[in-house]
Amino acid sequence: FGGAGPCRMEPPNDNIYISDLPAEINDEAIRETFGAYGDIKSCKALPGKLPGQKGAALVRFGTVDEASWMVQNLNGNIPQGLATPVVVRFAKQQGKGKGPGAGPPGAG
């Protein structure tokens, strides 16, 4: 019951994916535009590769709360400094506790 169809959302985390950005987007523009909404720890701009293709970005915030606020409040809205609405969702988690980042095997 309920829900908006089969659209599966990733669990809240500090990393978000923003799409429908200008094709020429870069890391500096990401920091300028979205830094006003929270403490950006890292970001990666993904400019459009083909003519007419929109850009996207991966942005990691200082806290899950900041990232959650972005998803809840900016998804489908126009951020300050941009002219068109953006899509904001939680990025896919990698590893989920195992794999890269868990420490090299046999270290020590």
PDB file of N, CA and C in Angstrom:
ATOM      1  N   PHE A   1       0.830  -1.200   0.000  1.00  0.00           N
ATOM      2  CA  PHE A   1       0.000   0.000   0.000  1.00  0.00           C
ATOM      3  C   PHE A   1       0.865   1.250   0.000  1.00  0.00           C
ATOM      4  N   GLY A   2       0.340   2.344  -0.516  1.00  0.00           N
ATOM      5  CA  GLY A   2       1.051   3.623  -0.491  1.00  0.00           C
ATOM      6  C   GLY A   2       2.275   3.620  -1.383  1.00  0.00           C
ATOM      7  N   GLY A   3       3.019   4.668  -1.322  1.00  0.00           N
ATOM      8  CA  GLY A   3       4.223   4.780  -2.128  1.00  0.00           C
ATOM      9  C   GLY A   3       3.904   5.376  -3.486  1.00  0.00           C
ATOM     10  N   ALA A   4       4.930   5.716  -4.205  1.00  0.00           N
ATOM     11  CA  ALA A   4       4.754   6.364  -5.498  1.00  0.00           C
ATOM     12  C   ALA A   4       5.230   5.462  -6.620  1.00  0.00           C
ATOM     13  N   GLY A   5       4.912   4.188  -6.540  1.00  0.00           N
ATOM     14  CA  GLY A   5       5.308   3.277  -7.599  1.00  0.00           C
ATOM     15  C   GLY A   5       6.580   2.530  -7.249  1.00  0.00           C
ATOM     16  N   PRO A   6       7.168   1.879  -8.249  1.00  0.00           N
ATOM     17  CA  PRO A   6       8.313   1.004  -7.991  1.00  0.00           C
ATOM     18  C   PRO A   6       9.639   1.728  -7.861  1.00  0.00           C
ATOM     19  N   CYS A   7       9.613   3.020  -7.667  1.00  0.00           N
ATOM     20  CA  CYS A   7      10.843   3.803  -7.543  1.00  0.00           C
ATOM     21  C   CYS A   7      11.501   3.501  -6.191  1.00  0.00           C
ATOM     22  N   ARG A   8      12.586   2.734  -6.221  1.00  0.00           N
ATOM     23  CA  ARG A   8      13.251   2.383  -4.971  1.00  0.00           C
ATOM     24  C   ARG A   8      14.221   3.472  -4.573  1.00  0.00           C
ATOM     25  N   MET A   9      14.143   3.901  -3.324  1.00  0.00           N
ATOM     26  CA  MET A   9      15.052   4.936  -2.835  1.00  0.00           C
ATOM     27  C   MET A   9      16.183   4.280  -2.070  1.00  0.00           C
ATOM     28  N   GLU A  10      17.344   4.853  -2.209  1.00  0.00           N
ATOM     29  CA  GLU A  10      18.489   4.401  -1.426  1.00  0.00           C
ATOM     30  C   GLU A  10      18.294   4.855   0.018  1.00  0.00           C
ATOM     31  N   PRO A  11      18.852   4.113   0.980  1.00  0.00           N
ATOM     32  CA  PRO A  11      18.744   4.555   2.373  1.00  0.00           C
ATOM     33  C   PRO A  11      19.489   5.865   2.571  1.00  0.00           C
ATOM     34  N   PRO A  12      19.025   6.695   3.497  1.00  0.00           N
ATOM     35  CA  PRO A  12      19.708   7.973   3.737  1.00  0.00           C
ATOM     36  C   PRO A  12      21.184   7.770   4.064  1.00  0.00           C
ATOM     37  N   ASN A  13      22.016   8.582   3.446  1.00  0.00           N
ATOM     38  CA  ASN A  13      23.439   8.588   3.745  1.00  0.00           C
ATOM     39  C   ASN A  13      23.956   9.991   3.416  1.00  0.00           C
ATOM     40  N   ASP A  14      25.237  10.234   3.608  1.00  0.00           N
ATOM     41  CA  ASP A  14      25.759  11.593   3.437  1.00  0.00           C
ATOM     42  C   ASP A  14      26.122  11.921   1.992  1.00  0.00           C
ATOM     43  N   ASN A  15      25.907  10.984   1.080  1.00  0.00           N
ATOM     44  CA  ASN A  15      26.296  11.159  -0.319  1.00  0.00           C
ATOM     45  C   ASN A  15      25.045  11.249  -1.189  1.00  0.00           C
ATOM     46  N   ILE A  16      24.937  12.333  -1.985  1.00  0.00           N
ATOM     47  CA  ILE A  16      23.763  12.493  -2.832  1.00  0.00           C
ATOM     48  C   ILE A  16      24.159  12.596  -4.295  1.00  0.00           C
ATOM     49  N   TYR A  17      23.204  12.260  -5.160  1.00  0.00           N
ATOM     50  CA  TYR A  17      23.363  12.356  -6.603  1.00  0.00           C
ATOM     51  C   TYR A  17      22.406  13.436  -7.083  1.00  0.00           C
ATOM     52  N   ILE A  18      22.942  14.434  -7.789  1.00  0.00           N
ATOM     53  CA  ILE A  18      22.131  15.539  -8.296  1.00  0.00           C
ATOM     54  C   ILE A  18      22.189  15.487  -9.816  1.00  0.00           C
ATOM     55  N   SER A  19      21.008  15.449 -10.471  1.00  0.00           N
ATOM     56  CA  SER A  19      20.976  15.432 -11.928  1.00  0.00           C
ATOM     57  C   SER A  19      20.170  16.605 -12.455  1.00  0.00           C
ATOM     58  N   ASP A  20      20.106  16.704 -13.778  1.00  0.00           N
ATOM     59  CA  ASP A  20      19.463  17.828 -14.477  1.00  0.00           C
ATOM     60  C   ASP A  20      20.200  19.146 -14.210  1.00  0.00           C
ATOM     61  N   LEU A  21      21.516  19.065 -14.094  1.00  0.00           N
ATOM     62  CA  LEU A  21      22.354  20.249 -13.919  1.00  0.00           C
ATOM     63  C   LEU A  21      22.792  20.758 -15.297  1.00  0.00           C
ATOM     64  N   PRO A  22      23.283  22.004 -15.381  1.00  0.00           N
ATOM     65  CA  PRO A  22      23.789  22.503 -16.665  1.00  0.00           C
ATOM     66  C   PRO A  22      24.889  21.581 -17.213  1.00  0.00           C
ATOM     67  N   ALA A  23      24.926  21.417 -18.527  1.00  0.00           N
ATOM     68  CA  ALA A  23      25.872  20.486 -19.159  1.00  0.00           C
ATOM     69  C   ALA A  23      27.329  20.822 -18.844  1.00  0.00           C
ATOM     70  N   GLU A  24      27.630  22.118 -18.647  1.00  0.00           N
ATOM     71  CA  GLU A  24      29.020  22.545 -18.438  1.00  0.00           C
ATOM     72  C   GLU A  24      29.402  22.608 -16.958  1.00  0.00           C
ATOM     73  N   ILE A  25      28.654  21.941 -16.099  1.00  0.00           N
ATOM     74  CA  ILE A  25      28.888  21.984 -14.647  1.00  0.00           C
ATOM     75  C   ILE A  25      30.308  21.524 -14.304  1.00  0.00           C
ATOM     76  N   ASN A  26      30.905  22.144 -13.276  1.00  0.00           N
ATOM     77  CA  ASN A  26      32.221  21.715 -12.807  1.00  0.00           C
ATOM     78  C   ASN A  26      32.233  21.724 -11.273  1.00  0.00           C
ATOM     79  N   ASP A  27      33.300  21.185 -10.689  1.00  0.00           N
ATOM     80  CA  ASP A  27      33.376  21.057  -9.226  1.00  0.00           C
ATOM     81  C   ASP A  27      33.217  22.404  -8.526  1.00  0.00           C
ATOM     82  N   GLU A  28      33.830  23.446  -9.090  1.00  0.00           N
ATOM     83  CA  GLU A  28      33.748  24.766  -8.458  1.00  0.00           C
ATOM     84  C   GLU A  28      32.301  25.269  -8.429  1.00  0.00           C
ATOM     85  N   ALA A  29      31.589  25.078  -9.526  1.00  0.00           N
ATOM     86  CA  ALA A  29      30.185  25.511  -9.584  1.00  0.00           C
ATOM     87  C   ALA A  29      29.325  24.712  -8.603  1.00  0.00           C
ATOM     88  N   ILE A  30      29.638  23.433  -8.434  1.00  0.00           N
ATOM     89  CA  ILE A  30      28.910  22.595  -7.473  1.00  0.00           C
ATOM     90  C   ILE A  30      29.095  23.158  -6.066  1.00  0.00           C
ATOM     91  N   ARG A  31      30.341  23.447  -5.718  1.00  0.00           N
ATOM     92  CA  ARG A  31      30.634  23.988  -4.374  1.00  0.00           C
ATOM     93  C   ARG A  31      29.965  25.342  -4.166  1.00  0.00           C
ATOM     94  N   GLU A  32      29.995  26.199  -5.187  1.00  0.00           N
ATOM     95  CA  GLU A  32      29.364  27.518  -5.065  1.00  0.00           C
ATOM     96  C   GLU A  32      27.853  27.395  -4.890  1.00  0.00           C
ATOM     97  N   THR A  33      27.231  26.530  -5.688  1.00  0.00           N
ATOM     98  CA  THR A  33      25.775  26.414  -5.672  1.00  0.00           C
ATOM     99  C   THR A  33      25.265  25.683  -4.437  1.00  0.00           C
ATOM    100  N   PHE A  34      25.851  24.536  -4.127  1.00  0.00           N
ATOM    101  CA  PHE A  34      25.299  23.682  -3.075  1.00  0.00           C
ATOM    102  C   PHE A  34      25.992  23.839  -1.727  1.00  0.00           C
ATOM    103  N   GLY A  35      27.142  24.536  -1.692  1.00  0.00           N
ATOM    104  CA  GLY A  35      27.828  24.785  -0.426  1.00  0.00           C
ATOM    105  C   GLY A  35      27.008  25.653   0.512  1.00  0.00           C
ATOM    106  N   ALA A  36      26.074  26.436  -0.042  1.00  0.00           N
ATOM    107  CA  ALA A  36      25.201  27.274   0.789  1.00  0.00           C
ATOM    108  C   ALA A  36      24.224  26.435   1.600  1.00  0.00           C
ATOM    109  N   TYR A  37      24.031  25.184   1.204  1.00  0.00           N
ATOM    110  CA  TYR A  37      23.035  24.326   1.865  1.00  0.00           C
ATOM    111  C   TYR A  37      23.646  23.378   2.888  1.00  0.00           C
ATOM    112  N   GLY A  38      24.971  23.321   2.951  1.00  0.00           N
ATOM    113  CA  GLY A  38      25.596  22.425   3.919  1.00  0.00           C
ATOM    114  C   GLY A  38      27.101  22.353   3.700  1.00  0.00           C
ATOM    115  N   ASP A  39      27.776  21.608   4.553  1.00  0.00           N
ATOM    116  CA  ASP A  39      29.226  21.458   4.530  1.00  0.00           C
ATOM    117  C   ASP A  39      29.605  20.351   3.541  1.00  0.00           C
ATOM    118  N   ILE A  40      30.097  20.750   2.359  1.00  0.00           N
ATOM    119  CA  ILE A  40      30.476  19.775   1.339  1.00  0.00           C
ATOM    120  C   ILE A  40      31.858  19.212   1.667  1.00  0.00           C
ATOM    121  N   LYS A  41      31.929  17.904   1.867  1.00  0.00           N
ATOM    122  CA  LYS A  41      33.203  17.235   2.144  1.00  0.00           C
ATOM    123  C   LYS A  41      33.931  16.905   0.848  1.00  0.00           C
ATOM    124  N   SER A  42      33.185  16.492  -0.181  1.00  0.00           N
ATOM    125  CA  SER A  42      33.778  16.222  -1.484  1.00  0.00           C
ATOM    126  C   SER A  42      32.680  16.286  -2.540  1.00  0.00           C
ATOM    127  N   CYS A  43      33.090  16.546  -3.771  1.00  0.00           N
ATOM    128  CA  CYS A  43      32.120  16.561  -4.853  1.00  0.00           C
ATOM    129  C   CYS A  43      32.794  16.158  -6.151  1.00  0.00           C
ATOM    130  N   LYS A  44      32.011  15.628  -7.052  1.00  0.00           N
ATOM    131  CA  LYS A  44      32.503  15.213  -8.361  1.00  0.00           C
ATOM    132  C   LYS A  44      31.467  15.615  -9.392  1.00  0.00           C
ATOM    133  N   ALA A  45      31.808  16.608 -10.224  1.00  0.00           N
ATOM    134  CA  ALA A  45      30.914  17.036 -11.297  1.00  0.00           C
ATOM    135  C   ALA A  45      30.983  16.035 -12.443  1.00  0.00           C
ATOM    136  N   LEU A  46      29.839  15.764 -13.029  1.00  0.00           N
ATOM    137  CA  LEU A  46      29.750  14.847 -14.164  1.00  0.00           C
ATOM    138  C   LEU A  46      29.105  15.601 -15.326  1.00  0.00           C
ATOM    139  N   PRO A  47      29.921  16.373 -16.080  1.00  0.00           N
ATOM    140  CA  PRO A  47      29.364  17.181 -17.170  1.00  0.00           C
ATOM    141  C   PRO A  47      28.719  16.306 -18.237  1.00  0.00           C
ATOM    142  N   GLY A  48      27.768  16.882 -18.975  1.00  0.00           N
ATOM    143  CA  GLY A  48      27.152  16.164 -20.078  1.00  0.00           C
ATOM    144  C   GLY A  48      28.190  15.820 -21.131  1.00  0.00           C
ATOM    145  N   LYS A  49      28.144  14.595 -21.673  1.00  0.00           N
ATOM    146  CA  LYS A  49      29.136  14.151 -22.645  1.00  0.00           C
ATOM    147  C   LYS A  49      28.685  14.385 -24.076  1.00  0.00           C
ATOM    148  N   LEU A  50      27.380  14.410 -24.299  1.00  0.00           N
ATOM    149  CA  LEU A  50      26.839  14.586 -25.639  1.00  0.00           C
ATOM    150  C   LEU A  50      26.122  15.923 -25.730  1.00  0.00           C
ATOM    151  N   PRO A  51      26.025  16.506 -26.928  1.00  0.00           N
ATOM    152  CA  PRO A  51      25.287  17.767 -27.077  1.00  0.00           C
ATOM    153  C   PRO A  51      23.849  17.617 -26.578  1.00  0.00           C
ATOM    154  N   GLY A  52      23.427  18.568 -25.759  1.00  0.00           N
ATOM    155  CA  GLY A  52      22.068  18.534 -25.238  1.00  0.00           C
ATOM    156  C   GLY A  52      21.906  17.692 -23.979  1.00  0.00           C
ATOM    157  N   GLN A  53      22.943  16.937 -23.612  1.00  0.00           N
ATOM    158  CA  GLN A  53      22.868  16.107 -22.402  1.00  0.00           C
ATOM    159  C   GLN A  53      23.129  16.960 -21.171  1.00  0.00           C
ATOM    160  N   LYS A  54      22.342  16.747 -20.129  1.00  0.00           N
ATOM    161  CA  LYS A  54      22.506  17.531 -18.901  1.00  0.00           C
ATOM    162  C   LYS A  54      23.635  16.965 -18.048  1.00  0.00           C
ATOM    163  N   GLY A  55      24.118  17.793 -17.144  1.00  0.00           N
ATOM    164  CA  GLY A  55      25.171  17.377 -16.236  1.00  0.00           C
ATOM    165  C   GLY A  55      24.594  16.774 -14.961  1.00  0.00           C
ATOM    166  N   ALA A  56      25.469  16.223 -14.151  1.00  0.00           N
ATOM    167  CA  ALA A  56      25.081  15.646 -12.872  1.00  0.00           C
ATOM    168  C   ALA A  56      26.262  15.811 -11.915  1.00  0.00           C
ATOM    169  N   ALA A  57      26.054  15.426 -10.659  1.00  0.00           N
ATOM    170  CA  ALA A  57      27.142  15.525  -9.688  1.00  0.00           C
ATOM    171  C   ALA A  57      26.907  14.568  -8.530  1.00  0.00           C
ATOM    172  N   LEU A  58      27.991  14.124  -7.944  1.00  0.00           N
ATOM    173  CA  LEU A  58      27.970  13.390  -6.680  1.00  0.00           C
ATOM    174  C   LEU A  58      28.515  14.342  -5.628  1.00  0.00           C
ATOM    175  N   VAL A  59      27.773  14.535  -4.555  1.00  0.00           N
ATOM    176  CA  VAL A  59      28.174  15.467  -3.502  1.00  0.00           C
ATOM    177  C   VAL A  59      28.082  14.769  -2.155  1.00  0.00           C
ATOM    178  N   ARG A  60      29.180  14.784  -1.412  1.00  0.00           N
ATOM    179  CA  ARG A  60      29.185  14.205  -0.061  1.00  0.00           C
ATOM    180  C   ARG A  60      29.174  15.342   0.952  1.00  0.00           C
ATOM    181  N   PHE A  61      28.162  15.314   1.822  1.00  0.00           N
ATOM    182  CA  PHE A  61      28.024  16.343   2.848  1.00  0.00           C
ATOM    183  C   PHE A  61      28.631  15.867   4.160  1.00  0.00           C
ATOM    184  N   GLY A  62      28.795  16.806   5.099  1.00  0.00           N
ATOM    185  CA  GLY A  62      29.396  16.503   6.396  1.00  0.00           C
ATOM    186  C   GLY A  62      28.544  15.577   7.250  1.00  0.00           C
ATOM    187  N   THR A  63      27.213  15.640   7.072  1.00  0.00           N
ATOM    188  CA  THR A  63      26.326  14.801   7.885  1.00  0.00           C
ATOM    189  C   THR A  63      25.202  14.230   7.029  1.00  0.00           C
ATOM    190  N   VAL A  64      24.614  13.153   7.503  1.00  0.00           N
ATOM    191  CA  VAL A  64      23.449  12.558   6.848  1.00  0.00           C
ATOM    192  C   VAL A  64      22.281  13.543   6.891  1.00  0.00           C
ATOM    193  N   ASP A  65      22.177  14.321   7.987  1.00  0.00           N
ATOM    194  CA  ASP A  65      21.089  15.302   8.112  1.00  0.00           C
ATOM    195  C   ASP A  65      21.147  16.346   7.000  1.00  0.00           C
ATOM    196  N   GLU A  66      22.344  16.824   6.683  1.00  0.00           N
ATOM    197  CA  GLU A  66      22.486  17.811   5.606  1.00  0.00           C
ATOM    198  C   GLU A  66      22.071  17.206   4.265  1.00  0.00           C
ATOM    199  N   ALA A  67      22.533  15.989   4.008  1.00  0.00           N
ATOM    200  CA  ALA A  67      22.183  15.318   2.752  1.00  0.00           C
ATOM    201  C   ALA A  67      20.678  15.052   2.688  1.00  0.00           C
ATOM    202  N   SER A  68      20.089  14.644   3.801  1.00  0.00           N
ATOM    203  CA  SER A  68      18.644  14.390   3.852  1.00  0.00           C
ATOM    204  C   SER A  68      17.853  15.659   3.568  1.00  0.00           C
ATOM    205  N   TRP A  69      18.321  16.777   4.123  1.00  0.00           N
ATOM    206  CA  TRP A  69      17.648  18.048   3.884  1.00  0.00           C
ATOM    207  C   TRP A  69      17.657  18.375   2.388  1.00  0.00           C
ATOM    208  N   MET A  70      18.787  18.131   1.746  1.00  0.00           N
ATOM    209  CA  MET A  70      18.911  18.386   0.303  1.00  0.00           C
ATOM    210  C   MET A  70      17.889  17.564  -0.478  1.00  0.00           C
ATOM    211  N   VAL A  71      17.802  16.272  -0.169  1.00  0.00           N
ATOM    212  CA  VAL A  71      16.877  15.387  -0.888  1.00  0.00           C
ATOM    213  C   VAL A  71      15.435  15.832  -0.652  1.00  0.00           C
ATOM    214  N   GLN A  72      15.104  16.153   0.580  1.00  0.00           N
ATOM    215  CA  GLN A  72      13.725  16.519   0.921  1.00  0.00           C
ATOM    216  C   GLN A  72      13.316  17.886   0.384  1.00  0.00           C
ATOM    217  N   ASN A  73      14.250  18.826   0.335  1.00  0.00           N
ATOM    218  CA  ASN A  73      13.896  20.206   0.019  1.00  0.00           C
ATOM    219  C   ASN A  73      14.284  20.695  -1.375  1.00  0.00           C
ATOM    220  N   LEU A  74      15.301  20.112  -1.983  1.00  0.00           N
ATOM    221  CA  LEU A  74      15.729  20.603  -3.291  1.00  0.00           C
ATOM    222  C   LEU A  74      15.270  19.735  -4.454  1.00  0.00           C
ATOM    223  N   ASN A  75      14.902  18.486  -4.207  1.00  0.00           N
ATOM    224  CA  ASN A  75      14.459  17.609  -5.287  1.00  0.00           C
ATOM    225  C   ASN A  75      13.234  18.212  -5.981  1.00  0.00           C
ATOM    226  N   GLY A  76      13.358  18.463  -7.281  1.00  0.00           N
ATOM    227  CA  GLY A  76      12.258  19.036  -8.049  1.00  0.00           C
ATOM    228  C   GLY A  76      12.163  20.549  -7.956  1.00  0.00           C
ATOM    229  N   ASN A  77      13.087  21.168  -7.230  1.00  0.00           N
ATOM    230  CA  ASN A  77      13.085  22.617  -7.072  1.00  0.00           C
ATOM    231  C   ASN A  77      14.310  23.237  -7.744  1.00  0.00           C
ATOM    232  N   ILE A  78      14.322  24.564  -7.805  1.00  0.00           N
ATOM    233  CA  ILE A  78      15.422  25.292  -8.442  1.00  0.00           C
ATOM    234  C   ILE A  78      16.348  25.850  -7.360  1.00  0.00           C
ATOM    235  N   PRO A  79      17.575  25.339  -7.260  1.00  0.00           N
ATOM    236  CA  PRO A  79      18.519  25.874  -6.269  1.00  0.00           C
ATOM    237  C   PRO A  79      18.926  27.299  -6.610  1.00  0.00           C
ATOM    238  N   GLN A  80      19.292  28.063  -5.591  1.00  0.00           N
ATOM    239  CA  GLN A  80      19.794  29.423  -5.778  1.00  0.00           C
ATOM    240  C   GLN A  80      20.961  29.393  -6.758  1.00  0.00           C
ATOM    241  N   GLY A  81      20.918  30.231  -7.794  1.00  0.00           N
ATOM    242  CA  GLY A  81      22.003  30.303  -8.753  1.00  0.00           C
ATOM    243  C   GLY A  81      21.780  29.489 -10.016  1.00  0.00           C
ATOM    244  N   LEU A  82      20.769  28.621 -10.029  1.00  0.00           N
ATOM    245  CA  LEU A  82      20.457  27.852 -11.231  1.00  0.00           C
ATOM    246  C   LEU A  82      19.119  28.324 -11.800  1.00  0.00           C
ATOM    247  N   ALA A  83      18.846  27.944 -13.047  1.00  0.00           N
ATOM    248  CA  ALA A  83      17.630  28.414 -13.710  1.00  0.00           C
ATOM    249  C   ALA A  83      16.574  27.329 -13.878  1.00  0.00           C
ATOM    250  N   THR A  84      16.944  26.069 -13.643  1.00  0.00           N
ATOM    251  CA  THR A  84      15.999  24.970 -13.850  1.00  0.00           C
ATOM    252  C   THR A  84      15.982  24.040 -12.636  1.00  0.00           C
ATOM    253  N   PRO A  85      14.885  23.304 -12.447  1.00  0.00           N
ATOM    254  CA  PRO A  85      14.806  22.364 -11.318  1.00  0.00           C
ATOM    255  C   PRO A  85      15.831  21.234 -11.453  1.00  0.00           C
ATOM    256  N   VAL A  86      16.242  20.702 -10.319  1.00  0.00           N
ATOM    257  CA  VAL A  86      17.182  19.592 -10.290  1.00  0.00           C
ATOM    258  C   VAL A  86      16.524  18.379  -9.647  1.00  0.00           C
ATOM    259  N   VAL A  87      17.097  17.210  -9.918  1.00  0.00           N
ATOM    260  CA  VAL A  87      16.668  15.979  -9.272  1.00  0.00           C
ATOM    261  C   VAL A  87      17.737  15.634  -8.247  1.00  0.00           C
ATOM    262  N   VAL A  88      17.326  15.433  -6.981  1.00  0.00           N
ATOM    263  CA  VAL A  88      18.273  15.131  -5.906  1.00  0.00           C
ATOM    264  C   VAL A  88      17.832  13.841  -5.227  1.00  0.00           C
ATOM    265  N   ARG A  89      18.756  12.875  -5.141  1.00  0.00           N
ATOM    266  CA  ARG A  89      18.444  11.623  -4.447  1.00  0.00           C
ATOM    267  C   ARG A  89      19.710  11.119  -3.768  1.00  0.00           C
ATOM    268  N   PHE A  90      19.507  10.180  -2.849  1.00  0.00           N
ATOM    269  CA  PHE A  90      20.674   9.598  -2.191  1.00  0.00           C
ATOM    270  C   PHE A  90      21.442   8.755  -3.189  1.00  0.00           C
ATOM    271  N   ALA A  91      22.774   8.858  -3.150  1.00  0.00           N
ATOM    272  CA  ALA A  91      23.620   8.065  -4.032  1.00  0.00           C
ATOM    273  C   ALA A  91      23.637   6.621  -3.550  1.00  0.00           C
ATOM    274  N   LYS A  92      23.942   5.732  -4.456  1.00  0.00           N
ATOM    275  CA  LYS A  92      24.037   4.313  -4.092  1.00  0.00           C
ATOM    276  C   LYS A  92      25.225   4.117  -3.174  1.00  0.00           C
ATOM    277  N   GLN A  93      24.995   3.372  -2.117  1.00  0.00           N
ATOM    278  CA  GLN A  93      26.076   3.052  -1.180  1.00  0.00           C
ATOM    279  C   GLN A  93      26.937   1.960  -1.794  1.00  0.00           C
ATOM    280  N   GLN A  94      28.239   2.079  -1.640  1.00  0.00           N
ATOM    281  CA  GLN A  94      29.137   1.042  -2.119  1.00  0.00           C
ATOM    282  C   GLN A  94      29.707   0.291  -0.934  1.00  0.00           C
ATOM    283  N   GLY A  95      29.764  -1.020  -1.050  1.00  0.00           N
ATOM    284  CA  GLY A  95      30.419  -1.809  -0.026  1.00  0.00           C
ATOM    285  C   GLY A  95      29.539  -2.242   1.115  1.00  0.00           C
ATOM    286  N   LYS A  96      28.661  -1.396   1.605  1.00  0.00           N
ATOM    287  CA  LYS A  96      27.790  -1.688   2.743  1.00  0.00           C
ATOM    288  C   LYS A  96      28.537  -2.406   3.857  1.00  0.00           C
ATOM    289  N   GLY A  97      29.696  -1.873   4.251  1.00  0.00           N
ATOM    290  CA  GLY A  97      30.405  -2.412   5.418  1.00  0.00           C
ATOM    291  C   GLY A  97      31.545  -3.341   5.090  1.00  0.00           C
ATOM    292  N   LYS A  98      31.595  -3.859   3.871  1.00  0.00           N
ATOM    293  CA  LYS A  98      32.696  -4.749   3.494  1.00  0.00           C
ATOM    294  C   LYS A  98      33.345  -4.221   2.228  1.00  0.00           C
ATOM    295  N   GLY A  99      34.492  -4.788   1.881  1.00  0.00           N
ATOM    296  CA  GLY A  99      35.118  -4.413   0.631  1.00  0.00           C
ATOM    297  C   GLY A  99      36.042  -3.218   0.788  1.00  0.00           C
ATOM    298  N   PRO A 100      36.203  -2.431  -0.285  1.00  0.00           N
ATOM    299  CA  PRO A 100      37.151  -1.306  -0.242  1.00  0.00           C
ATOM    300  C   PRO A 100      36.852  -0.355   0.908  1.00  0.00           C
ATOM    301  N   GLY A 101      37.918   0.098   1.547  1.00  0.00           N
ATOM    302  CA  GLY A 101      37.743   1.020   2.643  1.00  0.00           C
ATOM    303  C   GLY A 101      37.696   0.339   3.997  1.00  0.00           C
ATOM    304  N   ALA A 102      37.551  -0.978   4.014  1.00  0.00           N
ATOM    305  CA  ALA A 102      37.487  -1.704   5.279  1.00  0.00           C
ATOM    306  C   ALA A 102      38.883  -1.996   5.815  1.00  0.00           C
ATOM    307  N   GLY A 103      39.905  -1.593   5.079  1.00  0.00           N
ATOM    308  CA  GLY A 103      41.284  -1.820   5.510  1.00  0.00           C
ATOM    309  C   GLY A 103      41.907  -2.923   4.664  1.00  0.00           C
ATOM    310  N   PRO A 104      43.187  -2.770   4.366  1.00  0.00           N
ATOM    311  CA  PRO A 104      43.844  -3.769   3.530  1.00  0.00           C
ATOM    312  C   PRO A 104      43.990  -5.094   4.265  1.00  0.00           C
ATOM    313  N   PRO A 105      43.789  -6.210   3.568  1.00  0.00           N
ATOM    314  CA  PRO A 105      43.958  -7.510   4.225  1.00  0.00           C
ATOM    315  C   PRO A 105      45.412  -7.739   4.613  1.00  0.00           C
ATOM    316  N   GLY A 106      45.617  -8.321   5.758  1.00  0.00           N
ATOM    317  CA  GLY A 106      46.966  -8.650   6.218  1.00  0.00           C
ATOM    318  C   GLY A 106      47.802  -7.463   6.643  1.00  0.00           C
ATOM    319  N   ALA A 107      47.163  -6.309   6.864  1.00  0.00           N
ATOM    320  CA  ALA A 107      47.928  -5.131   7.279  1.00  0.00           C
ATOM    321  C   ALA A 107      48.445  -5.330   8.692  1.00  0.00           C
ATOM    322  N   GLY A 108      49.690  -4.939   8.907  1.00  0.00           N
ATOM    323  CA  GLY A 108      50.214  -4.971  10.262  1.00  0.00           C
ATOM    324  C   GLY A 108      51.287  -5.899  10.506  1.00  0.00           C
TER     325      GLY A 108
END
